[in-house]
Amino acid sequence: MAGSCDTTKGALTSAPFLILAWAGLAGAAGVALAAAATHKVDSPALATAATMLSVHAAAAVGIVAVAFRTARPCFWLGAALLMLAAASIFSGEIAFHMLTGNASFQMLAPTGGTLMIVSWLIVAVLAIADARRQS
């Protein structure tokens, strides 16, 4: 496999599967949060957290699928990892706050949101770089 890293050796061998496992758990958590927002806590914020977690979990699965068709799979896997971490931080803080009433970690939501934006920008830059490389 061409590229800047070798995903056939060491810890990187497991990376795609760990990202996919995290995405599966995040997707399940997103559905659970949506159910909680509908049936337990009538909260638009909790519904937003559910949506963000579900959408970004699905996006991470797609990014992993794209990663091995590119020249730089490790960068794509890193973008997926950042995206999952950011969505988990964002949604986790909102869920914690809405379900417990504790706002101790309220700065985590904007941090997670900012990192989600950054992860999407990284995806855009990688896509443009790969398109330029192919032309």
C-alpha atoms as a PDB file:
ATOM      1  CA  MET A   1       0.000   0.000   0.000  1.00  0.00           C
ATOM      2  CA  ALA A   2       1.435   3.323  -1.033  1.00  0.00           C
ATOM      3  CA  GLY A   3       1.375   6.221   1.323  1.00  0.00           C
ATOM      4  CA  SER A   4       2.888   7.886   4.301  1.00  0.00           C
ATOM      5  CA  CYS A   5       2.276   5.036   6.712  1.00  0.00           C
ATOM      6  CA  ASP A   6       2.136   1.275   6.738  1.00  0.00           C
ATOM      7  CA  THR A   7      -1.204   0.037   8.074  1.00  0.00           C
ATOM      8  CA  THR A   8      -0.114  -3.589   7.789  1.00  0.00           C
ATOM      9  CA  LYS A   9       2.179  -3.525  10.816  1.00  0.00           C
ATOM     10  CA  GLY A  10       1.929  -2.731  14.505  1.00  0.00           C
ATOM     11  CA  ALA A  11      -0.830  -0.735  16.135  1.00  0.00           C
ATOM     12  CA  LEU A  12      -2.055   0.688  12.824  1.00  0.00           C
ATOM     13  CA  THR A  13      -3.288  -2.761  11.802  1.00  0.00           C
ATOM     14  CA  SER A  14      -6.043  -2.507  14.409  1.00  0.00           C
ATOM     15  CA  ALA A  15      -6.758   1.191  13.957  1.00  0.00           C
ATOM     16  CA  PRO A  16      -9.494   0.882  11.314  1.00  0.00           C
ATOM     17  CA  PHE A  17     -11.331  -1.767  13.305  1.00  0.00           C
ATOM     18  CA  LEU A  18     -11.083   0.242  16.521  1.00  0.00           C
ATOM     19  CA  ILE A  19     -12.406   3.331  14.730  1.00  0.00           C
ATOM     20  CA  LEU A  20     -15.288   1.279  13.327  1.00  0.00           C
ATOM     21  CA  ALA A  21     -16.037  -0.173  16.761  1.00  0.00           C
ATOM     22  CA  TRP A  22     -16.060   3.337  18.262  1.00  0.00           C
ATOM     23  CA  ALA A  23     -18.308   4.508  15.430  1.00  0.00           C
ATOM     24  CA  GLY A  24     -20.705   1.648  16.133  1.00  0.00           C
ATOM     25  CA  LEU A  25     -20.847   2.521  19.816  1.00  0.00           C
ATOM     26  CA  ALA A  26     -21.256   6.225  19.009  1.00  0.00           C
ATOM     27  CA  GLY A  27     -24.084   5.466  16.596  1.00  0.00           C
ATOM     28  CA  ALA A  28     -25.819   3.336  19.218  1.00  0.00           C
ATOM     29  CA  ALA A  29     -25.333   6.083  21.795  1.00  0.00           C
ATOM     30  CA  GLY A  30     -26.775   8.602  19.351  1.00  0.00           C
ATOM     31  CA  VAL A  31     -29.931   6.510  18.969  1.00  0.00           C
ATOM     32  CA  ALA A  32     -30.169   6.107  22.756  1.00  0.00           C
ATOM     33  CA  LEU A  33     -29.819   9.874  23.232  1.00  0.00           C
ATOM     34  CA  ALA A  34     -32.521  10.449  20.617  1.00  0.00           C
ATOM     35  CA  ALA A  35     -34.820   8.122  22.550  1.00  0.00           C
ATOM     36  CA  ALA A  36     -34.010   9.922  25.798  1.00  0.00           C
ATOM     37  CA  ALA A  37     -34.673  13.285  24.151  1.00  0.00           C
ATOM     38  CA  THR A  38     -38.023  12.020  22.910  1.00  0.00           C
ATOM     39  CA  HIS A  39     -39.266  10.042  25.906  1.00  0.00           C
ATOM     40  CA  LYS A  40     -37.404  11.155  29.027  1.00  0.00           C
ATOM     41  CA  VAL A  41     -36.031  14.691  28.787  1.00  0.00           C
ATOM     42  CA  ASP A  42     -37.799  16.987  26.351  1.00  0.00           C
ATOM     43  CA  SER A  43     -34.652  18.813  25.298  1.00  0.00           C
ATOM     44  CA  PRO A  44     -33.697  20.241  21.913  1.00  0.00           C
ATOM     45  CA  ALA A  45     -30.080  20.261  23.111  1.00  0.00           C
ATOM     46  CA  LEU A  46     -30.182  16.523  23.804  1.00  0.00           C
ATOM     47  CA  ALA A  47     -31.776  15.914  20.404  1.00  0.00           C
ATOM     48  CA  THR A  48     -28.981  17.945  18.779  1.00  0.00           C
ATOM     49  CA  ALA A  49     -26.374  15.911  20.645  1.00  0.00           C
ATOM     50  CA  ALA A  50     -28.024  12.715  19.401  1.00  0.00           C
ATOM     51  CA  THR A  51     -28.034  13.943  15.821  1.00  0.00           C
ATOM     52  CA  MET A  52     -24.425  15.128  15.904  1.00  0.00           C
ATOM     53  CA  LEU A  53     -23.223  11.844  17.385  1.00  0.00           C
ATOM     54  CA  SER A  54     -25.155   9.722  14.882  1.00  0.00           C
ATOM     55  CA  VAL A  55     -24.154  11.768  11.835  1.00  0.00           C
ATOM     56  CA  HIS A  56     -20.486  11.848  12.755  1.00  0.00           C
ATOM     57  CA  ALA A  57     -20.436   8.126  13.578  1.00  0.00           C
ATOM     58  CA  ALA A  58     -21.777   7.384  10.097  1.00  0.00           C
ATOM     59  CA  ALA A  59     -19.314   9.832   8.545  1.00  0.00           C
ATOM     60  CA  ALA A  60     -16.403   8.132  10.322  1.00  0.00           C
ATOM     61  CA  VAL A  61     -17.455   4.778   8.846  1.00  0.00           C
ATOM     62  CA  GLY A  62     -17.449   6.360   5.397  1.00  0.00           C
ATOM     63  CA  ILE A  63     -14.058   7.966   5.959  1.00  0.00           C
ATOM     64  CA  VAL A  64     -12.554   4.622   6.980  1.00  0.00           C
ATOM     65  CA  ALA A  65     -13.937   3.117   3.770  1.00  0.00           C
ATOM     66  CA  VAL A  66     -12.355   5.911   1.720  1.00  0.00           C
ATOM     67  CA  ALA A  67      -9.032   5.767   3.585  1.00  0.00           C
ATOM     68  CA  PHE A  68      -7.744   2.626   1.902  1.00  0.00           C
ATOM     69  CA  ARG A  69      -8.468   3.938  -1.579  1.00  0.00           C
ATOM     70  CA  THR A  70      -6.167   6.911  -1.091  1.00  0.00           C
ATOM     71  CA  ALA A  71      -2.465   7.589  -1.091  1.00  0.00           C
ATOM     72  CA  ARG A  72      -2.499   8.701   2.554  1.00  0.00           C
ATOM     73  CA  PRO A  73      -4.719   6.321   4.547  1.00  0.00           C
ATOM     74  CA  CYS A  74      -3.281   7.345   7.916  1.00  0.00           C
ATOM     75  CA  PHE A  75      -4.332  10.956   7.434  1.00  0.00           C
ATOM     76  CA  TRP A  76      -7.873   9.858   6.587  1.00  0.00           C
ATOM     77  CA  LEU A  77      -7.960   7.521   9.605  1.00  0.00           C
ATOM     78  CA  GLY A  78      -6.725  10.404  11.751  1.00  0.00           C
ATOM     79  CA  ALA A  79      -9.548  12.597  10.450  1.00  0.00           C
ATOM     80  CA  ALA A  80     -12.083   9.884  11.298  1.00  0.00           C
ATOM     81  CA  LEU A  81     -10.588   9.512  14.756  1.00  0.00           C
ATOM     82  CA  LEU A  82     -10.655  13.255  15.384  1.00  0.00           C
ATOM     83  CA  MET A  83     -14.238  13.424  14.144  1.00  0.00           C
ATOM     84  CA  LEU A  84     -15.362  10.664  16.520  1.00  0.00           C
ATOM     85  CA  ALA A  85     -13.502  12.148  19.463  1.00  0.00           C
ATOM     86  CA  ALA A  86     -14.948  15.600  18.789  1.00  0.00           C
ATOM     87  CA  ALA A  87     -18.519  14.328  18.398  1.00  0.00           C
ATOM     88  CA  SER A  88     -18.164  12.225  21.542  1.00  0.00           C
ATOM     89  CA  ILE A  89     -16.878  15.193  23.550  1.00  0.00           C
ATOM     90  CA  PHE A  90     -19.593  17.507  22.220  1.00  0.00           C
ATOM     91  CA  SER A  91     -22.468  15.088  22.660  1.00  0.00           C
ATOM     92  CA  GLY A  92     -21.164  13.651  25.905  1.00  0.00           C
ATOM     93  CA  GLU A  93     -21.006  17.041  27.583  1.00  0.00           C
ATOM     94  CA  ILE A  94     -24.494  18.000  26.425  1.00  0.00           C
ATOM     95  CA  ALA A  95     -25.935  14.652  27.525  1.00  0.00           C
ATOM     96  CA  PHE A  96     -24.180  14.875  30.884  1.00  0.00           C
ATOM     97  CA  HIS A  97     -25.456  18.406  31.434  1.00  0.00           C
ATOM     98  CA  MET A  98     -29.038  17.678  30.336  1.00  0.00           C
ATOM     99  CA  LEU A  99     -29.372  14.398  32.238  1.00  0.00           C
ATOM    100  CA  THR A 100     -27.684  15.466  35.490  1.00  0.00           C
ATOM    101  CA  GLY A 101     -28.159  19.235  35.566  1.00  0.00           C
ATOM    102  CA  ASN A 102     -24.416  19.571  36.222  1.00  0.00           C
ATOM    103  CA  ALA A 103     -22.751  22.235  34.054  1.00  0.00           C
ATOM    104  CA  SER A 104     -19.233  21.656  35.374  1.00  0.00           C
ATOM    105  CA  PHE A 105     -17.860  20.711  31.963  1.00  0.00           C
ATOM    106  CA  GLN A 106     -19.750  23.197  29.799  1.00  0.00           C
ATOM    107  CA  MET A 107     -16.641  24.291  27.876  1.00  0.00           C
ATOM    108  CA  LEU A 108     -16.314  20.803  26.415  1.00  0.00           C
ATOM    109  CA  ALA A 109     -19.279  21.290  24.066  1.00  0.00           C
ATOM    110  CA  PRO A 110     -17.808  24.254  22.166  1.00  0.00           C
ATOM    111  CA  THR A 111     -14.416  22.540  22.149  1.00  0.00           C
ATOM    112  CA  GLY A 112     -15.960  19.405  20.658  1.00  0.00           C
ATOM    113  CA  GLY A 113     -17.930  21.495  18.175  1.00  0.00           C
ATOM    114  CA  THR A 114     -14.812  23.331  17.048  1.00  0.00           C
ATOM    115  CA  LEU A 115     -12.952  20.051  16.632  1.00  0.00           C
ATOM    116  CA  MET A 116     -15.836  18.668  14.552  1.00  0.00           C
ATOM    117  CA  ILE A 117     -15.497  21.645  12.220  1.00  0.00           C
ATOM    118  CA  VAL A 118     -11.731  21.105  12.046  1.00  0.00           C
ATOM    119  CA  SER A 119     -12.198  17.418  11.251  1.00  0.00           C
ATOM    120  CA  TRP A 120     -14.522  18.258   8.344  1.00  0.00           C
ATOM    121  CA  LEU A 121     -12.003  20.814   7.056  1.00  0.00           C
ATOM    122  CA  ILE A 122      -9.307  18.141   7.195  1.00  0.00           C
ATOM    123  CA  VAL A 123     -11.552  15.831   5.155  1.00  0.00           C
ATOM    124  CA  ALA A 124     -12.011  18.607   2.583  1.00  0.00           C
ATOM    125  CA  VAL A 125      -8.270  19.297   2.367  1.00  0.00           C
ATOM    126  CA  LEU A 126      -7.474  15.585   2.027  1.00  0.00           C
ATOM    127  CA  ALA A 127     -10.081  15.186  -0.708  1.00  0.00           C
ATOM    128  CA  ILE A 128      -8.702  18.155  -2.634  1.00  0.00           C
ATOM    129  CA  ALA A 129      -5.125  16.891  -2.215  1.00  0.00           C
ATOM    130  CA  ASP A 130      -6.073  13.421  -3.433  1.00  0.00           C
ATOM    131  CA  ALA A 131      -7.968  14.859  -6.401  1.00  0.00           C
ATOM    132  CA  ARG A 132      -4.966  16.984  -7.358  1.00  0.00           C
ATOM    133  CA  ARG A 133      -2.663  13.991  -6.961  1.00  0.00           C
ATOM    134  CA  GLN A 134      -4.804  11.941  -9.365  1.00  0.00           C
ATOM    135  CA  SER A 135      -4.987  14.626 -12.047  1.00  0.00           C
END
